[in-house]
Amino acid sequence: MARTLQGQVVSDKMSKTVVVAVGQVKEHPVYRKKFTITKKYQAHDEAEAFKVGDLVEITESRPLSRHKRWVVARKLTTEELEG
């Protein structure tokens, strides 16, 4: 079963590649303050259909290049976004 993540496209300048920022809310173990960790993933976009600001779901895949290990599965609406 491939992992899936949800995030926002932050760059579409590369050919057939988009950069997706995925946020995760964590809690400090002692102070219990919540904070957001953001990680960026390069994902394959064959049709170059996704633009900056789109909410997307990415799925894990075989290595496609040096940095690409994810493929954009579909575009999400704001209601479908978790969290």
PDB file of N, CA and C in Angstrom:
ATOM      1  N   MET A   1       0.839  -1.189   0.000  1.00  0.00           N
ATOM      2  CA  MET A   1       0.000   0.000   0.000  1.00  0.00           C
ATOM      3  C   MET A   1       0.880   1.246   0.000  1.00  0.00           C
ATOM      4  N   ALA A   2       0.703   2.097  -0.973  1.00  0.00           N
ATOM      5  CA  ALA A   2       1.503   3.313  -1.089  1.00  0.00           C
ATOM      6  C   ALA A   2       0.979   4.388  -0.140  1.00  0.00           C
ATOM      7  N   ARG A   3       1.908   5.137   0.428  1.00  0.00           N
ATOM      8  CA  ARG A   3       1.516   6.231   1.312  1.00  0.00           C
ATOM      9  C   ARG A   3       0.940   7.378   0.487  1.00  0.00           C
ATOM     10  N   THR A   4       0.026   8.122   1.083  1.00  0.00           N
ATOM     11  CA  THR A   4      -0.524   9.311   0.434  1.00  0.00           C
ATOM     12  C   THR A   4      -0.389  10.481   1.393  1.00  0.00           C
ATOM     13  N   LEU A   5      -0.115  11.645   0.836  1.00  0.00           N
ATOM     14  CA  LEU A   5      -0.002  12.880   1.603  1.00  0.00           C
ATOM     15  C   LEU A   5      -0.818  13.952   0.907  1.00  0.00           C
ATOM     16  N   GLN A   6      -1.233  14.946   1.683  1.00  0.00           N
ATOM     17  CA  GLN A   6      -1.987  16.062   1.126  1.00  0.00           C
ATOM     18  C   GLN A   6      -1.229  17.347   1.380  1.00  0.00           C
ATOM     19  N   GLY A   7      -1.198  18.210   0.369  1.00  0.00           N
ATOM     20  CA  GLY A   7      -0.479  19.466   0.526  1.00  0.00           C
ATOM     21  C   GLY A   7      -0.842  20.459  -0.550  1.00  0.00           C
ATOM     22  N   GLN A   8      -0.072  21.529  -0.592  1.00  0.00           N
ATOM     23  CA  GLN A   8      -0.328  22.627  -1.528  1.00  0.00           C
ATOM     24  C   GLN A   8       0.854  22.788  -2.463  1.00  0.00           C
ATOM     25  N   VAL A   9       0.558  23.004  -3.743  1.00  0.00           N
ATOM     26  CA  VAL A   9       1.612  23.219  -4.737  1.00  0.00           C
ATOM     27  C   VAL A   9       2.223  24.599  -4.491  1.00  0.00           C
ATOM     28  N   VAL A  10       3.554  24.630  -4.304  1.00  0.00           N
ATOM     29  CA  VAL A  10       4.240  25.894  -4.063  1.00  0.00           C
ATOM     30  C   VAL A  10       5.123  26.309  -5.228  1.00  0.00           C
ATOM     31  N   SER A  11       5.399  25.383  -6.166  1.00  0.00           N
ATOM     32  CA  SER A  11       6.190  25.726  -7.346  1.00  0.00           C
ATOM     33  C   SER A  11       5.821  24.795  -8.491  1.00  0.00           C
ATOM     34  N   ASP A  12       5.713  25.374  -9.693  1.00  0.00           N
ATOM     35  CA  ASP A  12       5.444  24.585 -10.895  1.00  0.00           C
ATOM     36  C   ASP A  12       6.379  24.982 -12.035  1.00  0.00           C
ATOM     37  N   LYS A  13       7.554  25.483 -11.690  1.00  0.00           N
ATOM     38  CA  LYS A  13       8.475  26.008 -12.688  1.00  0.00           C
ATOM     39  C   LYS A  13       9.239  24.929 -13.453  1.00  0.00           C
ATOM     40  N   MET A  14       9.340  23.731 -12.876  1.00  0.00           N
ATOM     41  CA  MET A  14      10.080  22.661 -13.546  1.00  0.00           C
ATOM     42  C   MET A  14       9.189  21.931 -14.543  1.00  0.00           C
ATOM     43  N   SER A  15       9.808  21.275 -15.489  1.00  0.00           N
ATOM     44  CA  SER A  15       9.076  20.514 -16.484  1.00  0.00           C
ATOM     45  C   SER A  15       8.589  19.198 -15.879  1.00  0.00           C
ATOM     46  N   LYS A  16       7.280  18.966 -15.926  1.00  0.00           N
ATOM     47  CA  LYS A  16       6.638  17.746 -15.438  1.00  0.00           C
ATOM     48  C   LYS A  16       6.869  17.480 -13.952  1.00  0.00           C
ATOM     49  N   THR A  17       7.179  18.527 -13.205  1.00  0.00           N
ATOM     50  CA  THR A  17       7.422  18.387 -11.772  1.00  0.00           C
ATOM     51  C   THR A  17       6.787  19.557 -11.038  1.00  0.00           C
ATOM     52  N   VAL A  18       6.152  19.273  -9.900  1.00  0.00           N
ATOM     53  CA  VAL A  18       5.660  20.317  -9.014  1.00  0.00           C
ATOM     54  C   VAL A  18       6.249  20.072  -7.628  1.00  0.00           C
ATOM     55  N   VAL A  19       6.395  21.147  -6.864  1.00  0.00           N
ATOM     56  CA  VAL A  19       6.852  21.040  -5.483  1.00  0.00           C
ATOM     57  C   VAL A  19       5.635  21.215  -4.596  1.00  0.00           C
ATOM     58  N   VAL A  20       5.407  20.230  -3.720  1.00  0.00           N
ATOM     59  CA  VAL A  20       4.231  20.227  -2.853  1.00  0.00           C
ATOM     60  C   VAL A  20       4.694  20.378  -1.411  1.00  0.00           C
ATOM     61  N   ALA A  21       4.143  21.374  -0.697  1.00  0.00           N
ATOM     62  CA  ALA A  21       4.454  21.580   0.720  1.00  0.00           C
ATOM     63  C   ALA A  21       3.389  20.867   1.549  1.00  0.00           C
ATOM     64  N   VAL A  22       3.857  19.963   2.407  1.00  0.00           N
ATOM     65  CA  VAL A  22       2.962  19.187   3.263  1.00  0.00           C
ATOM     66  C   VAL A  22       3.203  19.620   4.698  1.00  0.00           C
ATOM     67  N   GLY A  23       2.143  20.088   5.363  1.00  0.00           N
ATOM     68  CA  GLY A  23       2.242  20.542   6.746  1.00  0.00           C
ATOM     69  C   GLY A  23       1.790  19.473   7.722  1.00  0.00           C
ATOM     70  N   GLN A  24       2.454  19.432   8.886  1.00  0.00           N
ATOM     71  CA  GLN A  24       2.106  18.478   9.928  1.00  0.00           C
ATOM     72  C   GLN A  24       2.131  19.221  11.256  1.00  0.00           C
ATOM     73  N   VAL A  25       1.064  19.091  12.044  1.00  0.00           N
ATOM     74  CA  VAL A  25       0.994  19.736  13.347  1.00  0.00           C
ATOM     75  C   VAL A  25       1.585  18.800  14.386  1.00  0.00           C
ATOM     76  N   LYS A  26       2.559  19.313  15.135  1.00  0.00           N
ATOM     77  CA  LYS A  26       3.188  18.542  16.206  1.00  0.00           C
ATOM     78  C   LYS A  26       2.999  19.277  17.515  1.00  0.00           C
ATOM     79  N   GLU A  27       3.268  18.566  18.601  1.00  0.00           N
ATOM     80  CA  GLU A  27       3.139  19.154  19.925  1.00  0.00           C
ATOM     81  C   GLU A  27       4.446  18.966  20.684  1.00  0.00           C
ATOM     82  N   HIS A  28       4.883  20.020  21.347  1.00  0.00           N
ATOM     83  CA  HIS A  28       6.108  19.931  22.120  1.00  0.00           C
ATOM     84  C   HIS A  28       5.894  18.979  23.298  1.00  0.00           C
ATOM     85  N   PRO A  29       6.837  18.057  23.552  1.00  0.00           N
ATOM     86  CA  PRO A  29       6.606  17.045  24.574  1.00  0.00           C
ATOM     87  C   PRO A  29       6.515  17.582  26.002  1.00  0.00           C
ATOM     88  N   VAL A  30       7.175  18.693  26.292  1.00  0.00           N
ATOM     89  CA  VAL A  30       7.141  19.237  27.648  1.00  0.00           C
ATOM     90  C   VAL A  30       6.135  20.370  27.779  1.00  0.00           C
ATOM     91  N   TYR A  31       6.183  21.341  26.858  1.00  0.00           N
ATOM     92  CA  TYR A  31       5.377  22.549  26.982  1.00  0.00           C
ATOM     93  C   TYR A  31       4.003  22.438  26.336  1.00  0.00           C
ATOM     94  N   ARG A  32       3.764  21.366  25.576  1.00  0.00           N
ATOM     95  CA  ARG A  32       2.461  21.101  24.954  1.00  0.00           C
ATOM     96  C   ARG A  32       2.022  22.167  23.961  1.00  0.00           C
ATOM     97  N   LYS A  33       2.941  23.001  23.512  1.00  0.00           N
ATOM     98  CA  LYS A  33       2.597  23.989  22.484  1.00  0.00           C
ATOM     99  C   LYS A  33       2.563  23.300  21.134  1.00  0.00           C
ATOM    100  N   LYS A  34       1.558  23.622  20.342  1.00  0.00           N
ATOM    101  CA  LYS A  34       1.434  23.049  19.009  1.00  0.00           C
ATOM    102  C   LYS A  34       2.167  23.936  18.008  1.00  0.00           C
ATOM    103  N   PHE A  35       2.851  23.296  17.056  1.00  0.00           N
ATOM    104  CA  PHE A  35       3.552  24.028  16.012  1.00  0.00           C
ATOM    105  C   PHE A  35       3.494  23.218  14.725  1.00  0.00           C
ATOM    106  N   THR A  36       3.687  23.889  13.599  1.00  0.00           N
ATOM    107  CA  THR A  36       3.574  23.255  12.292  1.00  0.00           C
ATOM    108  C   THR A  36       4.955  22.996  11.706  1.00  0.00           C
ATOM    109  N   ILE A  37       5.140  21.764  11.224  1.00  0.00           N
ATOM    110  CA  ILE A  37       6.343  21.384  10.496  1.00  0.00           C
ATOM    111  C   ILE A  37       5.949  21.275   9.026  1.00  0.00           C
ATOM    112  N   THR A  38       6.684  21.938   8.139  1.00  0.00           N
ATOM    113  CA  THR A  38       6.393  21.879   6.712  1.00  0.00           C
ATOM    114  C   THR A  38       7.542  21.183   5.992  1.00  0.00           C
ATOM    115  N   LYS A  39       7.210  20.211   5.172  1.00  0.00           N
ATOM    116  CA  LYS A  39       8.205  19.511   4.380  1.00  0.00           C
ATOM    117  C   LYS A  39       7.801  19.608   2.918  1.00  0.00           C
ATOM    118  N   LYS A  40       8.786  19.782   2.039  1.00  0.00           N
ATOM    119  CA  LYS A  40       8.502  19.917   0.612  1.00  0.00           C
ATOM    120  C   LYS A  40       8.870  18.628  -0.113  1.00  0.00           C
ATOM    121  N   TYR A  41       8.005  18.213  -1.012  1.00  0.00           N
ATOM    122  CA  TYR A  41       8.227  17.018  -1.822  1.00  0.00           C
ATOM    123  C   TYR A  41       8.140  17.403  -3.291  1.00  0.00           C
ATOM    124  N   GLN A  42       9.042  16.860  -4.112  1.00  0.00           N
ATOM    125  CA  GLN A  42       8.931  17.025  -5.549  1.00  0.00           C
ATOM    126  C   GLN A  42       8.087  15.877  -6.076  1.00  0.00           C
ATOM    127  N   ALA A  43       7.040  16.207  -6.819  1.00  0.00           N
ATOM    128  CA  ALA A  43       6.112  15.197  -7.310  1.00  0.00           C
ATOM    129  C   ALA A  43       5.981  15.296  -8.823  1.00  0.00           C
ATOM    130  N   HIS A  44       5.776  14.142  -9.446  1.00  0.00           N
ATOM    131  CA  HIS A  44       5.666  14.068 -10.901  1.00  0.00           C
ATOM    132  C   HIS A  44       4.269  14.508 -11.342  1.00  0.00           C
ATOM    133  N   ASP A  45       4.218  15.370 -12.348  1.00  0.00           N
ATOM    134  CA  ASP A  45       2.972  15.892 -12.917  1.00  0.00           C
ATOM    135  C   ASP A  45       3.092  15.783 -14.435  1.00  0.00           C
ATOM    136  N   GLU A  46       2.733  14.627 -14.979  1.00  0.00           N
ATOM    137  CA  GLU A  46       2.936  14.326 -16.399  1.00  0.00           C
ATOM    138  C   GLU A  46       2.258  15.343 -17.309  1.00  0.00           C
ATOM    139  N   ALA A  47       1.016  15.703 -17.011  1.00  0.00           N
ATOM    140  CA  ALA A  47       0.254  16.591 -17.884  1.00  0.00           C
ATOM    141  C   ALA A  47       0.509  18.063 -17.606  1.00  0.00           C
ATOM    142  N   GLU A  48       1.293  18.375 -16.575  1.00  0.00           N
ATOM    143  CA  GLU A  48       1.539  19.753 -16.154  1.00  0.00           C
ATOM    144  C   GLU A  48       0.231  20.496 -15.930  1.00  0.00           C
ATOM    145  N   ALA A  49      -0.695  19.827 -15.238  1.00  0.00           N
ATOM    146  CA  ALA A  49      -2.040  20.360 -15.034  1.00  0.00           C
ATOM    147  C   ALA A  49      -2.182  21.149 -13.740  1.00  0.00           C
ATOM    148  N   PHE A  50      -1.241  21.015 -12.815  1.00  0.00           N
ATOM    149  CA  PHE A  50      -1.398  21.629 -11.500  1.00  0.00           C
ATOM    150  C   PHE A  50      -0.575  22.907 -11.411  1.00  0.00           C
ATOM    151  N   LYS A  51      -1.169  23.933 -10.803  1.00  0.00           N
ATOM    152  CA  LYS A  51      -0.544  25.249 -10.708  1.00  0.00           C
ATOM    153  C   LYS A  51      -0.313  25.611  -9.248  1.00  0.00           C
ATOM    154  N   VAL A  52       0.432  26.668  -9.011  1.00  0.00           N
ATOM    155  CA  VAL A  52       0.729  27.130  -7.657  1.00  0.00           C
ATOM    156  C   VAL A  52      -0.577  27.450  -6.933  1.00  0.00           C
ATOM    157  N   GLY A  53      -0.692  26.962  -5.716  1.00  0.00           N
ATOM    158  CA  GLY A  53      -1.880  27.204  -4.903  1.00  0.00           C
ATOM    159  C   GLY A  53      -2.877  26.064  -4.901  1.00  0.00           C
ATOM    160  N   ASP A  54      -2.748  25.122  -5.833  1.00  0.00           N
ATOM    161  CA  ASP A  54      -3.674  23.990  -5.875  1.00  0.00           C
ATOM    162  C   ASP A  54      -3.448  23.067  -4.684  1.00  0.00           C
ATOM    163  N   LEU A  55      -4.535  22.559  -4.116  1.00  0.00           N
ATOM    164  CA  LEU A  55      -4.458  21.554  -3.067  1.00  0.00           C
ATOM    165  C   LEU A  55      -4.485  20.197  -3.734  1.00  0.00           C
ATOM    166  N   VAL A  56      -3.472  19.359  -3.472  1.00  0.00           N
ATOM    167  CA  VAL A  56      -3.333  18.092  -4.182  1.00  0.00           C
ATOM    168  C   VAL A  56      -3.066  16.957  -3.208  1.00  0.00           C
ATOM    169  N   GLU A  57      -3.261  15.743  -3.709  1.00  0.00           N
ATOM    170  CA  GLU A  57      -2.895  14.536  -2.980  1.00  0.00           C
ATOM    171  C   GLU A  57      -1.782  13.858  -3.765  1.00  0.00           C
ATOM    172  N   ILE A  58      -0.694  13.496  -3.081  1.00  0.00           N
ATOM    173  CA  ILE A  58       0.420  12.831  -3.743  1.00  0.00           C
ATOM    174  C   ILE A  58       0.563  11.423  -3.183  1.00  0.00           C
ATOM    175  N   THR A  59       0.990  10.496  -4.045  1.00  0.00           N
ATOM    176  CA  THR A  59       1.183   9.112  -3.626  1.00  0.00           C
ATOM    177  C   THR A  59       2.627   8.704  -3.876  1.00  0.00           C
ATOM    178  N   GLU A  60       3.112   7.827  -3.036  1.00  0.00           N
ATOM    179  CA  GLU A  60       4.474   7.337  -3.136  1.00  0.00           C
ATOM    180  C   GLU A  60       4.620   6.445  -4.363  1.00  0.00           C
ATOM    181  N   SER A  61       5.785   6.501  -5.022  1.00  0.00           N
ATOM    182  CA  SER A  61       6.010   5.676  -6.209  1.00  0.00           C
ATOM    183  C   SER A  61       7.478   5.256  -6.257  1.00  0.00           C
ATOM    184  N   ARG A  62       7.831   4.557  -7.300  1.00  0.00           N
ATOM    185  CA  ARG A  62       9.226   4.176  -7.493  1.00  0.00           C
ATOM    186  C   ARG A  62      10.030   5.444  -7.782  1.00  0.00           C
ATOM    187  N   PRO A  63      11.339   5.405  -7.621  1.00  0.00           N
ATOM    188  CA  PRO A  63      12.147   6.589  -7.930  1.00  0.00           C
ATOM    189  C   PRO A  63      12.038   6.973  -9.410  1.00  0.00           C
ATOM    190  N   LEU A  64      11.656   8.209  -9.655  1.00  0.00           N
ATOM    191  CA  LEU A  64      11.504   8.703 -11.027  1.00  0.00           C
ATOM    192  C   LEU A  64      12.702   9.547 -11.452  1.00  0.00           C
ATOM    193  N   SER A  65      13.403  10.127 -10.498  1.00  0.00           N
ATOM    194  CA  SER A  65      14.619  10.886 -10.768  1.00  0.00           C
ATOM    195  C   SER A  65      15.384  10.979  -9.452  1.00  0.00           C
ATOM    196  N   ARG A  66      16.368  11.839  -9.412  1.00  0.00           N
ATOM    197  CA  ARG A  66      17.199  11.946  -8.212  1.00  0.00           C
ATOM    198  C   ARG A  66      16.383  12.344  -6.975  1.00  0.00           C
ATOM    199  N   HIS A  67      15.417  13.241  -7.146  1.00  0.00           N
ATOM    200  CA  HIS A  67      14.645  13.734  -6.008  1.00  0.00           C
ATOM    201  C   HIS A  67      13.175  13.318  -6.032  1.00  0.00           C
ATOM    202  N   LYS A  68      12.663  12.873  -7.160  1.00  0.00           N
ATOM    203  CA  LYS A  68      11.228  12.581  -7.271  1.00  0.00           C
ATOM    204  C   LYS A  68      10.918  11.151  -6.859  1.00  0.00           C
ATOM    205  N   ARG A  69      10.101  11.014  -5.816  1.00  0.00           N
ATOM    206  CA  ARG A  69       9.631   9.716  -5.348  1.00  0.00           C
ATOM    207  C   ARG A  69       8.115   9.721  -5.169  1.00  0.00           C
ATOM    208  N   TRP A  70       7.462  10.777  -5.647  1.00  0.00           N
ATOM    209  CA  TRP A  70       6.022  10.959  -5.460  1.00  0.00           C
ATOM    210  C   TRP A  70       5.378  11.323  -6.790  1.00  0.00           C
ATOM    211  N   VAL A  71       4.089  10.991  -6.925  1.00  0.00           N
ATOM    212  CA  VAL A  71       3.302  11.320  -8.112  1.00  0.00           C
ATOM    213  C   VAL A  71       2.033  12.020  -7.642  1.00  0.00           C
ATOM    214  N   VAL A  72       1.640  13.084  -8.339  1.00  0.00           N
ATOM    215  CA  VAL A  72       0.397  13.774  -7.989  1.00  0.00           C
ATOM    216  C   VAL A  72      -0.770  12.894  -8.400  1.00  0.00           C
ATOM    217  N   ALA A  73      -1.616  12.542  -7.442  1.00  0.00           N
ATOM    218  CA  ALA A  73      -2.736  11.647  -7.702  1.00  0.00           C
ATOM    219  C   ALA A  73      -3.969  12.407  -8.186  1.00  0.00           C
ATOM    220  N   ARG A  74      -4.316  13.482  -7.463  1.00  0.00           N
ATOM    221  CA  ARG A  74      -5.522  14.214  -7.832  1.00  0.00           C
ATOM    222  C   ARG A  74      -5.537  15.570  -7.150  1.00  0.00           C
ATOM    223  N   LYS A  75      -6.416  16.422  -7.653  1.00  0.00           N
ATOM    224  CA  LYS A  75      -6.615  17.741  -7.072  1.00  0.00           C
ATOM    225  C   LYS A  75      -7.709  17.635  -6.014  1.00  0.00           C
ATOM    226  N   LEU A  76      -7.536  18.332  -4.909  1.00  0.00           N
ATOM    227  CA  LEU A  76      -8.496  18.289  -3.817  1.00  0.00           C
ATOM    228  C   LEU A  76      -9.266  19.594  -3.747  1.00  0.00           C
ATOM    229  N   THR A  77     -10.439  19.523  -3.143  1.00  0.00           N
ATOM    230  CA  THR A  77     -11.172  20.735  -2.798  1.00  0.00           C
ATOM    231  C   THR A  77     -10.853  21.071  -1.346  1.00  0.00           C
ATOM    232  N   THR A  78     -11.209  22.257  -0.909  1.00  0.00           N
ATOM    233  CA  THR A  78     -10.879  22.653   0.455  1.00  0.00           C
ATOM    234  C   THR A  78     -11.620  21.805   1.483  1.00  0.00           C
ATOM    235  N   GLU A  79     -12.778  21.247   1.144  1.00  0.00           N
ATOM    236  CA  GLU A  79     -13.527  20.411   2.068  1.00  0.00           C
ATOM    237  C   GLU A  79     -12.844  19.054   2.279  1.00  0.00           C
ATOM    238  N   GLU A  80     -12.098  18.555   1.276  1.00  0.00           N
ATOM    239  CA  GLU A  80     -11.469  17.241   1.365  1.00  0.00           C
ATOM    240  C   GLU A  80     -10.147  17.266   2.140  1.00  0.00           C
ATOM    241  N   LEU A  81      -9.570  18.443   2.335  1.00  0.00           N
ATOM    242  CA  LEU A  81      -8.281  18.547   2.995  1.00  0.00           C
ATOM    243  C   LEU A  81      -8.400  18.172   4.460  1.00  0.00           C
ATOM    244  N   GLU A  82      -7.550  17.251   4.914  1.00  0.00           N
ATOM    245  CA  GLU A  82      -7.565  16.829   6.319  1.00  0.00           C
ATOM    246  C   GLU A  82      -6.938  17.891   7.187  1.00  0.00           C
ATOM    247  N   GLY A  83      -7.475  18.022   8.394  1.00  0.00           N
ATOM    248  CA  GLY A  83      -6.861  18.925   9.362  1.00  0.00           C
ATOM    249  C   GLY A  83      -7.317  20.286   9.151  1.00  0.00           C
TER     250      GLY A  83
END
